[in-house]
Amino acid sequence: MFEEKRKFKRFKGKEGAFAAFIKPNELMNMGQIQDISMGGLCVQYVSTNEDNKGCSEIKIFGSNDRFIHLKRVQCRIVYDNQVSKGPWEQISTRRCGVELENLSVKQLSMLQDFIDYFCFR
């Protein structure tokens, strides 16, 4: 039997919920949030690069009838796996699991608002 080890409940991301990986002063990959919690998230993205090695920050944003944008959230990449190859060898779809770290009180509040508006409950 599988035992859940996560501290926080995950919620499925709605259309319009995105995250972008950031290396120092450089936007890397951007994709759709698959699921998210107060402690982490999973993003699916199309990449011409191998993975998000070297990323220590992520930008979380969404837009439908409301716009929420969390800038430069510290994170740790837990996994970054290839899901499938595209029709061209250089393009692949990847899933990346991220643990969020050192969130300020303001970031925690904004993250809760993001989950409320951009996730299925």
PDB file of N, CA and C in Angstrom:
ATOM      1  N   MET A   1       0.833  -1.180   0.000  1.00  0.00           N
ATOM      2  CA  MET A   1       0.000   0.000   0.000  1.00  0.00           C
ATOM      3  C   MET A   1       0.878   1.244   0.000  1.00  0.00           C
ATOM      4  N   PHE A   2       0.511   2.240  -0.812  1.00  0.00           N
ATOM      5  CA  PHE A   2       1.281   3.475  -0.934  1.00  0.00           C
ATOM      6  C   PHE A   2       0.970   4.410   0.229  1.00  0.00           C
ATOM      7  N   GLU A   3       2.015   4.941   0.868  1.00  0.00           N
ATOM      8  CA  GLU A   3       1.838   5.887   1.961  1.00  0.00           C
ATOM      9  C   GLU A   3       2.196   7.288   1.472  1.00  0.00           C
ATOM     10  N   GLU A   4       1.248   8.226   1.575  1.00  0.00           N
ATOM     11  CA  GLU A   4       1.471   9.610   1.165  1.00  0.00           C
ATOM     12  C   GLU A   4       2.446  10.269   2.129  1.00  0.00           C
ATOM     13  N   LYS A   5       3.514  10.870   1.588  1.00  0.00           N
ATOM     14  CA  LYS A   5       4.531  11.502   2.421  1.00  0.00           C
ATOM     15  C   LYS A   5       4.482  13.023   2.358  1.00  0.00           C
ATOM     16  N   ARG A   6       3.661  13.578   1.504  1.00  0.00           N
ATOM     17  CA  ARG A   6       3.588  15.030   1.386  1.00  0.00           C
ATOM     18  C   ARG A   6       2.926  15.640   2.605  1.00  0.00           C
ATOM     19  N   LYS A   7       3.400  16.825   2.994  1.00  0.00           N
ATOM     20  CA  LYS A   7       2.835  17.541   4.134  1.00  0.00           C
ATOM     21  C   LYS A   7       1.528  18.240   3.761  1.00  0.00           C
ATOM     22  N   PHE A   8       1.406  18.667   2.498  1.00  0.00           N
ATOM     23  CA  PHE A   8       0.283  19.476   2.060  1.00  0.00           C
ATOM     24  C   PHE A   8      -0.502  18.776   0.960  1.00  0.00           C
ATOM     25  N   LYS A   9      -1.810  18.978   0.963  1.00  0.00           N
ATOM     26  CA  LYS A   9      -2.666  18.408  -0.067  1.00  0.00           C
ATOM     27  C   LYS A   9      -2.391  19.088  -1.402  1.00  0.00           C
ATOM     28  N   ARG A  10      -2.324  18.272  -2.461  1.00  0.00           N
ATOM     29  CA  ARG A  10      -2.116  18.794  -3.815  1.00  0.00           C
ATOM     30  C   ARG A  10      -3.454  19.053  -4.485  1.00  0.00           C
ATOM     31  N   PHE A  11      -3.494  20.104  -5.326  1.00  0.00           N
ATOM     32  CA  PHE A  11      -4.684  20.460  -6.086  1.00  0.00           C
ATOM     33  C   PHE A  11      -4.326  20.534  -7.560  1.00  0.00           C
ATOM     34  N   LYS A  12      -5.211  20.036  -8.403  1.00  0.00           N
ATOM     35  CA  LYS A  12      -4.993  20.029  -9.847  1.00  0.00           C
ATOM     36  C   LYS A  12      -5.100  21.454 -10.388  1.00  0.00           C
ATOM     37  N   GLY A  13      -4.134  21.851 -11.198  1.00  0.00           N
ATOM     38  CA  GLY A  13      -4.130  23.184 -11.785  1.00  0.00           C
ATOM     39  C   GLY A  13      -5.166  23.328 -12.885  1.00  0.00           C
ATOM     40  N   LYS A  14      -5.801  24.492 -12.943  1.00  0.00           N
ATOM     41  CA  LYS A  14      -6.757  24.803 -14.009  1.00  0.00           C
ATOM     42  C   LYS A  14      -6.007  25.381 -15.206  1.00  0.00           C
ATOM     43  N   GLU A  15      -6.721  25.505 -16.317  1.00  0.00           N
ATOM     44  CA  GLU A  15      -6.160  26.162 -17.490  1.00  0.00           C
ATOM     45  C   GLU A  15      -5.810  27.599 -17.103  1.00  0.00           C
ATOM     46  N   GLY A  16      -4.664  28.063 -17.528  1.00  0.00           N
ATOM     47  CA  GLY A  16      -4.237  29.415 -17.198  1.00  0.00           C
ATOM     48  C   GLY A  16      -3.293  29.492 -16.016  1.00  0.00           C
ATOM     49  N   ALA A  17      -2.930  28.328 -15.424  1.00  0.00           N
ATOM     50  CA  ALA A  17      -1.990  28.281 -14.299  1.00  0.00           C
ATOM     51  C   ALA A  17      -0.618  27.864 -14.832  1.00  0.00           C
ATOM     52  N   PHE A  18       0.369  28.735 -14.704  1.00  0.00           N
ATOM     53  CA  PHE A  18       1.689  28.501 -15.293  1.00  0.00           C
ATOM     54  C   PHE A  18       2.811  28.721 -14.289  1.00  0.00           C
ATOM     55  N   ALA A  19       3.965  28.171 -14.612  1.00  0.00           N
ATOM     56  CA  ALA A  19       5.189  28.407 -13.855  1.00  0.00           C
ATOM     57  C   ALA A  19       6.339  28.520 -14.844  1.00  0.00           C
ATOM     58  N   ALA A  20       7.328  29.334 -14.483  1.00  0.00           N
ATOM     59  CA  ALA A  20       8.521  29.510 -15.307  1.00  0.00           C
ATOM     60  C   ALA A  20       9.752  29.327 -14.427  1.00  0.00           C
ATOM     61  N   PHE A  21      10.700  28.544 -14.907  1.00  0.00           N
ATOM     62  CA  PHE A  21      11.938  28.288 -14.179  1.00  0.00           C
ATOM     63  C   PHE A  21      12.937  29.390 -14.490  1.00  0.00           C
ATOM     64  N   ILE A  22      13.685  29.813 -13.461  1.00  0.00           N
ATOM     65  CA  ILE A  22      14.616  30.923 -13.614  1.00  0.00           C
ATOM     66  C   ILE A  22      15.999  30.507 -13.151  1.00  0.00           C
ATOM     67  N   LYS A  23      16.985  30.691 -14.017  1.00  0.00           N
ATOM     68  CA  LYS A  23      18.384  30.653 -13.599  1.00  0.00           C
ATOM     69  C   LYS A  23      18.733  32.104 -13.297  1.00  0.00           C
ATOM     70  N   PRO A  24      19.828  32.377 -12.619  1.00  0.00           N
ATOM     71  CA  PRO A  24      20.140  33.780 -12.336  1.00  0.00           C
ATOM     72  C   PRO A  24      20.036  34.643 -13.596  1.00  0.00           C
ATOM     73  N   ASN A  25      19.089  35.572 -13.565  1.00  0.00           N
ATOM     74  CA  ASN A  25      18.841  36.544 -14.636  1.00  0.00           C
ATOM     75  C   ASN A  25      18.509  35.929 -15.990  1.00  0.00           C
ATOM     76  N   GLU A  26      17.988  34.716 -16.013  1.00  0.00           N
ATOM     77  CA  GLU A  26      17.667  34.057 -17.276  1.00  0.00           C
ATOM     78  C   GLU A  26      16.427  33.183 -17.126  1.00  0.00           C
ATOM     79  N   LEU A  27      15.402  33.466 -17.925  1.00  0.00           N
ATOM     80  CA  LEU A  27      14.203  32.646 -17.936  1.00  0.00           C
ATOM     81  C   LEU A  27      14.520  31.365 -18.693  1.00  0.00           C
ATOM     82  N   MET A  28      14.208  30.223 -18.100  1.00  0.00           N
ATOM     83  CA  MET A  28      14.537  28.940 -18.720  1.00  0.00           C
ATOM     84  C   MET A  28      13.335  28.368 -19.457  1.00  0.00           C
ATOM     85  N   ASN A  29      12.574  27.540 -18.790  1.00  0.00           N
ATOM     86  CA  ASN A  29      11.425  26.864 -19.375  1.00  0.00           C
ATOM     87  C   ASN A  29      10.151  27.313 -18.683  1.00  0.00           C
ATOM     88  N   MET A  30       9.046  27.323 -19.443  1.00  0.00           N
ATOM     89  CA  MET A  30       7.753  27.688 -18.892  1.00  0.00           C
ATOM     90  C   MET A  30       6.757  26.607 -19.261  1.00  0.00           C
ATOM     91  N   GLY A  31       5.821  26.305 -18.335  1.00  0.00           N
ATOM     92  CA  GLY A  31       4.845  25.283 -18.634  1.00  0.00           C
ATOM     93  C   GLY A  31       3.602  25.392 -17.785  1.00  0.00           C
ATOM     94  N   GLN A  32       2.683  24.459 -18.036  1.00  0.00           N
ATOM     95  CA  GLN A  32       1.392  24.381 -17.353  1.00  0.00           C
ATOM     96  C   GLN A  32       1.566  23.687 -16.006  1.00  0.00           C
ATOM     97  N   ILE A  33       1.000  24.261 -14.953  1.00  0.00           N
ATOM     98  CA  ILE A  33       1.021  23.624 -13.636  1.00  0.00           C
ATOM     99  C   ILE A  33       0.050  22.453 -13.652  1.00  0.00           C
ATOM    100  N   GLN A  34       0.548  21.257 -13.346  1.00  0.00           N
ATOM    101  CA  GLN A  34      -0.272  20.051 -13.283  1.00  0.00           C
ATOM    102  C   GLN A  34      -0.954  19.933 -11.932  1.00  0.00           C
ATOM    103  N   ASP A  35      -0.171  20.139 -10.871  1.00  0.00           N
ATOM    104  CA  ASP A  35      -0.727  20.169  -9.523  1.00  0.00           C
ATOM    105  C   ASP A  35       0.159  21.042  -8.648  1.00  0.00           C
ATOM    106  N   ILE A  36      -0.440  21.520  -7.537  1.00  0.00           N
ATOM    107  CA  ILE A  36       0.273  22.461  -6.680  1.00  0.00           C
ATOM    108  C   ILE A  36      -0.234  22.327  -5.249  1.00  0.00           C
ATOM    109  N   SER A  37       0.643  22.621  -4.300  1.00  0.00           N
ATOM    110  CA  SER A  37       0.281  22.667  -2.885  1.00  0.00           C
ATOM    111  C   SER A  37       1.038  23.834  -2.264  1.00  0.00           C
ATOM    112  N   MET A  38       0.867  24.001  -0.967  1.00  0.00           N
ATOM    113  CA  MET A  38       1.592  25.062  -0.263  1.00  0.00           C
ATOM    114  C   MET A  38       3.084  24.726  -0.141  1.00  0.00           C
ATOM    115  N   GLY A  39       3.470  23.509  -0.501  1.00  0.00           N
ATOM    116  CA  GLY A  39       4.866  23.116  -0.370  1.00  0.00           C
ATOM    117  C   GLY A  39       5.577  22.794  -1.666  1.00  0.00           C
ATOM    118  N   GLY A  40       4.836  22.716  -2.776  1.00  0.00           N
ATOM    119  CA  GLY A  40       5.490  22.365  -4.029  1.00  0.00           C
ATOM    120  C   GLY A  40       4.513  22.303  -5.179  1.00  0.00           C
ATOM    121  N   LEU A  41       5.042  21.958  -6.354  1.00  0.00           N
ATOM    122  CA  LEU A  41       4.211  21.866  -7.544  1.00  0.00           C
ATOM    123  C   LEU A  41       4.849  20.962  -8.583  1.00  0.00           C
ATOM    124  N   CYS A  42       4.043  20.597  -9.577  1.00  0.00           N
ATOM    125  CA  CYS A  42       4.505  19.815 -10.719  1.00  0.00           C
ATOM    126  C   CYS A  42       4.140  20.593 -11.973  1.00  0.00           C
ATOM    127  N   VAL A  43       5.112  20.763 -12.861  1.00  0.00           N
ATOM    128  CA  VAL A  43       4.928  21.518 -14.100  1.00  0.00           C
ATOM    129  C   VAL A  43       5.246  20.615 -15.280  1.00  0.00           C
ATOM    130  N   GLN A  44       4.408  20.659 -16.305  1.00  0.00           N
ATOM    131  CA  GLN A  44       4.700  19.971 -17.555  1.00  0.00           C
ATOM    132  C   GLN A  44       5.046  21.034 -18.585  1.00  0.00           C
ATOM    133  N   TYR A  45       6.163  20.834 -19.284  1.00  0.00           N
ATOM    134  CA  TYR A  45       6.628  21.850 -20.232  1.00  0.00           C
ATOM    135  C   TYR A  45       7.284  21.202 -21.437  1.00  0.00           C
ATOM    136  N   VAL A  46       7.367  21.962 -22.512  1.00  0.00           N
ATOM    137  CA  VAL A  46       8.060  21.536 -23.720  1.00  0.00           C
ATOM    138  C   VAL A  46       9.438  22.182 -23.684  1.00  0.00           C
ATOM    139  N   SER A  47      10.470  21.384 -23.937  1.00  0.00           N
ATOM    140  CA  SER A  47      11.831  21.885 -23.794  1.00  0.00           C
ATOM    141  C   SER A  47      12.720  21.482 -24.958  1.00  0.00           C
ATOM    142  N   THR A  48      13.588  22.399 -25.339  1.00  0.00           N
ATOM    143  CA  THR A  48      14.660  22.060 -26.271  1.00  0.00           C
ATOM    144  C   THR A  48      15.947  21.838 -25.481  1.00  0.00           C
ATOM    145  N   ASN A  49      15.938  22.216 -24.198  1.00  0.00           N
ATOM    146  CA  ASN A  49      17.069  21.963 -23.301  1.00  0.00           C
ATOM    147  C   ASN A  49      16.868  20.622 -22.633  1.00  0.00           C
ATOM    148  N   GLU A  50      17.898  20.124 -21.991  1.00  0.00           N
ATOM    149  CA  GLU A  50      17.797  18.850 -21.288  1.00  0.00           C
ATOM    150  C   GLU A  50      16.815  18.926 -20.127  1.00  0.00           C
ATOM    151  N   ASP A  51      17.045  19.838 -19.198  1.00  0.00           N
ATOM    152  CA  ASP A  51      16.211  19.926 -18.000  1.00  0.00           C
ATOM    153  C   ASP A  51      16.423  21.288 -17.349  1.00  0.00           C
ATOM    154  N   ASN A  52      16.025  21.423 -16.099  1.00  0.00           N
ATOM    155  CA  ASN A  52      16.113  22.698 -15.389  1.00  0.00           C
ATOM    156  C   ASN A  52      17.258  22.734 -14.381  1.00  0.00           C
ATOM    157  N   LYS A  53      18.332  21.995 -14.639  1.00  0.00           N
ATOM    158  CA  LYS A  53      19.484  22.009 -13.735  1.00  0.00           C
ATOM    159  C   LYS A  53      19.979  23.437 -13.566  1.00  0.00           C
ATOM    160  N   GLY A  54      20.323  23.773 -12.348  1.00  0.00           N
ATOM    161  CA  GLY A  54      20.833  25.108 -12.070  1.00  0.00           C
ATOM    162  C   GLY A  54      19.756  26.109 -11.697  1.00  0.00           C
ATOM    163  N   CYS A  55      18.492  25.731 -11.797  1.00  0.00           N
ATOM    164  CA  CYS A  55      17.414  26.642 -11.422  1.00  0.00           C
ATOM    165  C   CYS A  55      17.214  26.600  -9.919  1.00  0.00           C
ATOM    166  N   SER A  56      17.120  27.770  -9.307  1.00  0.00           N
ATOM    167  CA  SER A  56      16.878  27.831  -7.873  1.00  0.00           C
ATOM    168  C   SER A  56      15.675  28.714  -7.555  1.00  0.00           C
ATOM    169  N   GLU A  57      15.039  29.251  -8.599  1.00  0.00           N
ATOM    170  CA  GLU A  57      13.856  30.076  -8.418  1.00  0.00           C
ATOM    171  C   GLU A  57      12.830  29.742  -9.484  1.00  0.00           C
ATOM    172  N   ILE A  58      11.565  29.991  -9.128  1.00  0.00           N
ATOM    173  CA  ILE A  58      10.472  29.746 -10.058  1.00  0.00           C
ATOM    174  C   ILE A  58       9.494  30.914  -9.967  1.00  0.00           C
ATOM    175  N   LYS A  59       8.882  31.223 -11.077  1.00  0.00           N
ATOM    176  CA  LYS A  59       7.854  32.250 -11.136  1.00  0.00           C
ATOM    177  C   LYS A  59       6.527  31.521 -11.313  1.00  0.00           C
ATOM    178  N   ILE A  60       5.524  31.841 -10.493  1.00  0.00           N
ATOM    179  CA  ILE A  60       4.213  31.202 -10.547  1.00  0.00           C
ATOM    180  C   ILE A  60       3.203  32.274 -10.922  1.00  0.00           C
ATOM    181  N   PHE A  61       2.410  32.019 -11.963  1.00  0.00           N
ATOM    182  CA  PHE A  61       1.457  33.041 -12.374  1.00  0.00           C
ATOM    183  C   PHE A  61       0.247  32.418 -13.039  1.00  0.00           C
ATOM    184  N   GLY A  62      -0.838  33.149 -13.018  1.00  0.00           N
ATOM    185  CA  GLY A  62      -2.066  32.683 -13.633  1.00  0.00           C
ATOM    186  C   GLY A  62      -2.937  33.844 -14.018  1.00  0.00           C
ATOM    187  N   SER A  63      -3.760  33.608 -15.031  1.00  0.00           N
ATOM    188  CA  SER A  63      -4.664  34.645 -15.489  1.00  0.00           C
ATOM    189  C   SER A  63      -5.927  34.013 -16.039  1.00  0.00           C
ATOM    190  N   ASN A  64      -7.051  34.385 -15.493  1.00  0.00           N
ATOM    191  CA  ASN A  64      -8.358  34.096 -16.074  1.00  0.00           C
ATOM    192  C   ASN A  64      -9.167  35.369 -15.866  1.00  0.00           C
ATOM    193  N   ASP A  65     -10.068  35.415 -14.923  1.00  0.00           N
ATOM    194  CA  ASP A  65     -10.711  36.684 -14.612  1.00  0.00           C
ATOM    195  C   ASP A  65      -9.916  37.470 -13.571  1.00  0.00           C
ATOM    196  N   ARG A  66      -8.839  36.882 -13.071  1.00  0.00           N
ATOM    197  CA  ARG A  66      -7.964  37.505 -12.074  1.00  0.00           C
ATOM    198  C   ARG A  66      -6.518  37.164 -12.427  1.00  0.00           C
ATOM    199  N   PHE A  67      -5.590  38.077 -12.138  1.00  0.00           N
ATOM    200  CA  PHE A  67      -4.171  37.841 -12.401  1.00  0.00           C
ATOM    201  C   PHE A  67      -3.427  37.763 -11.083  1.00  0.00           C
ATOM    202  N   ILE A  68      -2.695  36.668 -10.869  1.00  0.00           N
ATOM    203  CA  ILE A  68      -1.857  36.499  -9.676  1.00  0.00           C
ATOM    204  C   ILE A  68      -0.460  36.125 -10.150  1.00  0.00           C
ATOM    205  N   HIS A  69       0.559  36.766  -9.567  1.00  0.00           N
ATOM    206  CA  HIS A  69       1.929  36.581 -10.021  1.00  0.00           C
ATOM    207  C   HIS A  69       2.865  36.531  -8.815  1.00  0.00           C
ATOM    208  N   LEU A  70       3.472  35.387  -8.572  1.00  0.00           N
ATOM    209  CA  LEU A  70       4.487  35.254  -7.525  1.00  0.00           C
ATOM    210  C   LEU A  70       5.849  35.264  -8.206  1.00  0.00           C
ATOM    211  N   LYS A  71       6.644  36.266  -7.922  1.00  0.00           N
ATOM    212  CA  LYS A  71       7.954  36.419  -8.557  1.00  0.00           C
ATOM    213  C   LYS A  71       9.039  35.744  -7.728  1.00  0.00           C
ATOM    214  N   ARG A  72       9.966  35.123  -8.383  1.00  0.00           N
ATOM    215  CA  ARG A  72      11.207  34.644  -7.798  1.00  0.00           C
ATOM    216  C   ARG A  72      11.035  33.896  -6.474  1.00  0.00           C
ATOM    217  N   VAL A  73      10.269  32.820  -6.510  1.00  0.00           N
ATOM    218  CA  VAL A  73      10.084  31.958  -5.344  1.00  0.00           C
ATOM    219  C   VAL A  73      11.247  30.970  -5.305  1.00  0.00           C
ATOM    220  N   GLN A  74      11.931  30.899  -4.185  1.00  0.00           N
ATOM    221  CA  GLN A  74      13.040  29.952  -4.055  1.00  0.00           C
ATOM    222  C   GLN A  74      12.501  28.533  -4.106  1.00  0.00           C
ATOM    223  N   CYS A  75      13.255  27.656  -4.784  1.00  0.00           N
ATOM    224  CA  CYS A  75      12.789  26.282  -4.928  1.00  0.00           C
ATOM    225  C   CYS A  75      13.951  25.312  -5.065  1.00  0.00           C
ATOM    226  N   ARG A  76      13.591  24.041  -4.969  1.00  0.00           N
ATOM    227  CA  ARG A  76      14.543  22.951  -5.195  1.00  0.00           C
ATOM    228  C   ARG A  76      13.893  21.984  -6.169  1.00  0.00           C
ATOM    229  N   ILE A  77      14.593  21.652  -7.247  1.00  0.00           N
ATOM    230  CA  ILE A  77      14.095  20.697  -8.229  1.00  0.00           C
ATOM    231  C   ILE A  77      14.199  19.299  -7.614  1.00  0.00           C
ATOM    232  N   VAL A  78      13.061  18.604  -7.509  1.00  0.00           N
ATOM    233  CA  VAL A  78      13.036  17.257  -6.939  1.00  0.00           C
ATOM    234  C   VAL A  78      13.259  16.234  -8.051  1.00  0.00           C
ATOM    235  N   TYR A  79      12.594  16.421  -9.181  1.00  0.00           N
ATOM    236  CA  TYR A  79      12.800  15.563 -10.352  1.00  0.00           C
ATOM    237  C   TYR A  79      12.476  16.363 -11.604  1.00  0.00           C
ATOM    238  N   ASP A  80      13.029  15.946 -12.712  1.00  0.00           N
ATOM    239  CA  ASP A  80      12.756  16.562 -14.015  1.00  0.00           C
ATOM    240  C   ASP A  80      12.920  15.448 -15.050  1.00  0.00           C
ATOM    241  N   ASN A  81      11.796  14.821 -15.412  1.00  0.00           N
ATOM    242  CA  ASN A  81      11.818  13.633 -16.258  1.00  0.00           C
ATOM    243  C   ASN A  81      11.203  13.885 -17.624  1.00  0.00           C
ATOM    244  N   GLN A  82      11.762  13.233 -18.610  1.00  0.00           N
ATOM    245  CA  GLN A  82      11.195  13.289 -19.954  1.00  0.00           C
ATOM    246  C   GLN A  82       9.918  12.458 -20.001  1.00  0.00           C
ATOM    247  N   VAL A  83       8.832  13.027 -20.565  1.00  0.00           N
ATOM    248  CA  VAL A  83       7.566  12.319 -20.716  1.00  0.00           C
ATOM    249  C   VAL A  83       7.500  11.696 -22.095  1.00  0.00           C
ATOM    250  N   SER A  84       7.810  12.473 -23.127  1.00  0.00           N
ATOM    251  CA  SER A  84       7.788  11.953 -24.494  1.00  0.00           C
ATOM    252  C   SER A  84       8.633  12.830 -25.401  1.00  0.00           C
ATOM    253  N   LYS A  85       9.065  12.268 -26.497  1.00  0.00           N
ATOM    254  CA  LYS A  85       9.774  13.025 -27.531  1.00  0.00           C
ATOM    255  C   LYS A  85       8.762  13.599 -28.502  1.00  0.00           C
ATOM    256  N   GLY A  86       9.039  14.787 -29.000  1.00  0.00           N
ATOM    257  CA  GLY A  86       8.188  15.397 -30.018  1.00  0.00           C
ATOM    258  C   GLY A  86       8.542  14.854 -31.387  1.00  0.00           C
ATOM    259  N   PRO A  87       7.889  15.371 -32.424  1.00  0.00           N
ATOM    260  CA  PRO A  87       8.164  14.905 -33.778  1.00  0.00           C
ATOM    261  C   PRO A  87       9.596  15.214 -34.225  1.00  0.00           C
ATOM    262  N   TRP A  88      10.226  16.181 -33.589  1.00  0.00           N
ATOM    263  CA  TRP A  88      11.627  16.480 -33.872  1.00  0.00           C
ATOM    264  C   TRP A  88      12.439  16.045 -32.675  1.00  0.00           C
ATOM    265  N   GLU A  89      13.591  15.515 -32.905  1.00  0.00           N
ATOM    266  CA  GLU A  89      14.427  14.972 -31.835  1.00  0.00           C
ATOM    267  C   GLU A  89      14.807  15.996 -30.775  1.00  0.00           C
ATOM    268  N   GLN A  90      14.902  17.293 -31.131  1.00  0.00           N
ATOM    269  CA  GLN A  90      15.362  18.303 -30.174  1.00  0.00           C
ATOM    270  C   GLN A  90      14.278  18.704 -29.173  1.00  0.00           C
ATOM    271  N   ILE A  91      13.021  18.404 -29.443  1.00  0.00           N
ATOM    272  CA  ILE A  91      11.927  18.851 -28.586  1.00  0.00           C
ATOM    273  C   ILE A  91      11.375  17.670 -27.790  1.00  0.00           C
ATOM    274  N   SER A  92      11.218  17.881 -26.486  1.00  0.00           N
ATOM    275  CA  SER A  92      10.621  16.841 -25.647  1.00  0.00           C
ATOM    276  C   SER A  92       9.658  17.479 -24.650  1.00  0.00           C
ATOM    277  N   THR A  93       8.712  16.680 -24.184  1.00  0.00           N
ATOM    278  CA  THR A  93       7.824  17.104 -23.108  1.00  0.00           C
ATOM    279  C   THR A  93       8.389  16.534 -21.817  1.00  0.00           C
ATOM    280  N   ARG A  94       8.440  17.385 -20.787  1.00  0.00           N
ATOM    281  CA  ARG A  94       9.026  16.984 -19.511  1.00  0.00           C
ATOM    282  C   ARG A  94       8.074  17.330 -18.377  1.00  0.00           C
ATOM    283  N   ARG A  95       8.194  16.600 -17.271  1.00  0.00           N
ATOM    284  CA  ARG A  95       7.468  16.895 -16.031  1.00  0.00           C
ATOM    285  C   ARG A  95       8.505  17.165 -14.962  1.00  0.00           C
ATOM    286  N   CYS A  96       8.301  18.266 -14.248  1.00  0.00           N
ATOM    287  CA  CYS A  96       9.268  18.675 -13.234  1.00  0.00           C
ATOM    288  C   CYS A  96       8.562  18.881 -11.902  1.00  0.00           C
ATOM    289  N   GLY A  97       9.054  18.215 -10.869  1.00  0.00           N
ATOM    290  CA  GLY A  97       8.548  18.379  -9.513  1.00  0.00           C
ATOM    291  C   GLY A  97       9.434  19.339  -8.755  1.00  0.00           C
ATOM    292  N   VAL A  98       8.806  20.279  -8.052  1.00  0.00           N
ATOM    293  CA  VAL A  98       9.534  21.349  -7.384  1.00  0.00           C
ATOM    294  C   VAL A  98       9.078  21.458  -5.927  1.00  0.00           C
ATOM    295  N   GLU A  99      10.037  21.584  -5.027  1.00  0.00           N
ATOM    296  CA  GLU A  99       9.733  21.887  -3.632  1.00  0.00           C
ATOM    297  C   GLU A  99       9.969  23.375  -3.422  1.00  0.00           C
ATOM    298  N   LEU A 100       8.975  24.080  -2.883  1.00  0.00           N
ATOM    299  CA  LEU A 100       9.101  25.511  -2.620  1.00  0.00           C
ATOM    300  C   LEU A 100       9.813  25.713  -1.293  1.00  0.00           C
ATOM    301  N   GLU A 101      10.708  26.714  -1.240  1.00  0.00           N
ATOM    302  CA  GLU A 101      11.524  26.918  -0.045  1.00  0.00           C
ATOM    303  C   GLU A 101      11.480  28.375   0.407  1.00  0.00           C
ATOM    304  N   ASN A 102      11.584  28.580   1.712  1.00  0.00           N
ATOM    305  CA  ASN A 102      11.765  29.901   2.317  1.00  0.00           C
ATOM    306  C   ASN A 102      10.737  30.935   1.863  1.00  0.00           C
ATOM    307  N   LEU A 103       9.470  30.567   1.813  1.00  0.00           N
ATOM    308  CA  LEU A 103       8.439  31.512   1.404  1.00  0.00           C
ATOM    309  C   LEU A 103       8.180  32.527   2.514  1.00  0.00           C
ATOM    310  N   SER A 104       8.063  33.794   2.104  1.00  0.00           N
ATOM    311  CA  SER A 104       7.724  34.847   3.052  1.00  0.00           C
ATOM    312  C   SER A 104       6.234  34.752   3.381  1.00  0.00           C
ATOM    313  N   VAL A 105       5.803  35.500   4.376  1.00  0.00           N
ATOM    314  CA  VAL A 105       4.390  35.531   4.740  1.00  0.00           C
ATOM    315  C   VAL A 105       3.567  36.029   3.554  1.00  0.00           C
ATOM    316  N   LYS A 106       4.061  37.048   2.858  1.00  0.00           N
ATOM    317  CA  LYS A 106       3.362  37.588   1.687  1.00  0.00           C
ATOM    318  C   LYS A 106       3.266  36.531   0.583  1.00  0.00           C
ATOM    319  N   GLN A 107       4.357  35.809   0.316  1.00  0.00           N
ATOM    320  CA  GLN A 107       4.338  34.760  -0.704  1.00  0.00           C
ATOM    321  C   GLN A 107       3.374  33.642  -0.327  1.00  0.00           C
ATOM    322  N   LEU A 108       3.329  33.259   0.947  1.00  0.00           N
ATOM    323  CA  LEU A 108       2.398  32.221   1.391  1.00  0.00           C
ATOM    324  C   LEU A 108       0.954  32.655   1.158  1.00  0.00           C
ATOM    325  N   SER A 109       0.657  33.910   1.459  1.00  0.00           N
ATOM    326  CA  SER A 109      -0.689  34.440   1.248  1.00  0.00           C
ATOM    327  C   SER A 109      -1.042  34.453  -0.244  1.00  0.00           C
ATOM    328  N   MET A 110      -0.102  34.902  -1.071  1.00  0.00           N
ATOM    329  CA  MET A 110      -0.337  34.938  -2.521  1.00  0.00           C
ATOM    330  C   MET A 110      -0.475  33.527  -3.088  1.00  0.00           C
ATOM    331  N   LEU A 111       0.302  32.573  -2.562  1.00  0.00           N
ATOM    332  CA  LEU A 111       0.215  31.185  -3.017  1.00  0.00           C
ATOM    333  C   LEU A 111      -1.152  30.605  -2.671  1.00  0.00           C
ATOM    334  N   GLN A 112      -1.662  30.910  -1.484  1.00  0.00           N
ATOM    335  CA  GLN A 112      -2.996  30.441  -1.105  1.00  0.00           C
ATOM    336  C   GLN A 112      -4.054  31.043  -2.027  1.00  0.00           C
ATOM    337  N   ASP A 113      -3.936  32.327  -2.353  1.00  0.00           N
ATOM    338  CA  ASP A 113      -4.856  32.963  -3.315  1.00  0.00           C
ATOM    339  C   ASP A 113      -4.762  32.290  -4.678  1.00  0.00           C
ATOM    340  N   PHE A 114      -3.542  31.981  -5.095  1.00  0.00           N
ATOM    341  CA  PHE A 114      -3.336  31.319  -6.383  1.00  0.00           C
ATOM    342  C   PHE A 114      -4.056  29.969  -6.399  1.00  0.00           C
ATOM    343  N   ILE A 115      -3.875  29.180  -5.357  1.00  0.00           N
ATOM    344  CA  ILE A 115      -4.525  27.870  -5.269  1.00  0.00           C
ATOM    345  C   ILE A 115      -6.047  28.028  -5.280  1.00  0.00           C
ATOM    346  N   ASP A 116      -6.558  29.014  -4.562  1.00  0.00           N
ATOM    347  CA  ASP A 116      -7.999  29.253  -4.514  1.00  0.00           C
ATOM    348  C   ASP A 116      -8.583  29.575  -5.891  1.00  0.00           C
ATOM    349  N   TYR A 117      -7.859  30.339  -6.717  1.00  0.00           N
ATOM    350  CA  TYR A 117      -8.381  30.798  -7.993  1.00  0.00           C
ATOM    351  C   TYR A 117      -7.987  29.929  -9.189  1.00  0.00           C
ATOM    352  N   PHE A 118      -6.852  29.260  -9.114  1.00  0.00           N
ATOM    353  CA  PHE A 118      -6.327  28.558 -10.291  1.00  0.00           C
ATOM    354  C   PHE A 118      -6.224  27.056 -10.118  1.00  0.00           C
ATOM    355  N   CYS A 119      -6.935  26.494  -9.136  1.00  0.00           N
ATOM    356  CA  CYS A 119      -6.905  25.051  -8.922  1.00  0.00           C
ATOM    357  C   CYS A 119      -8.297  24.514  -8.662  1.00  0.00           C
ATOM    358  N   PHE A 120      -8.490  23.244  -9.018  1.00  0.00           N
ATOM    359  CA  PHE A 120      -9.730  22.548  -8.710  1.00  0.00           C
ATOM    360  C   PHE A 120      -9.660  22.071  -7.269  1.00  0.00           C
ATOM    361  N   ARG A 121     -10.724  22.247  -6.533  1.00  0.00           N
ATOM    362  CA  ARG A 121     -10.759  21.818  -5.122  1.00  0.00           C
ATOM    363  C   ARG A 121     -11.587  20.578  -4.966  1.00  0.00           C
TER     364      ARG A 121
END
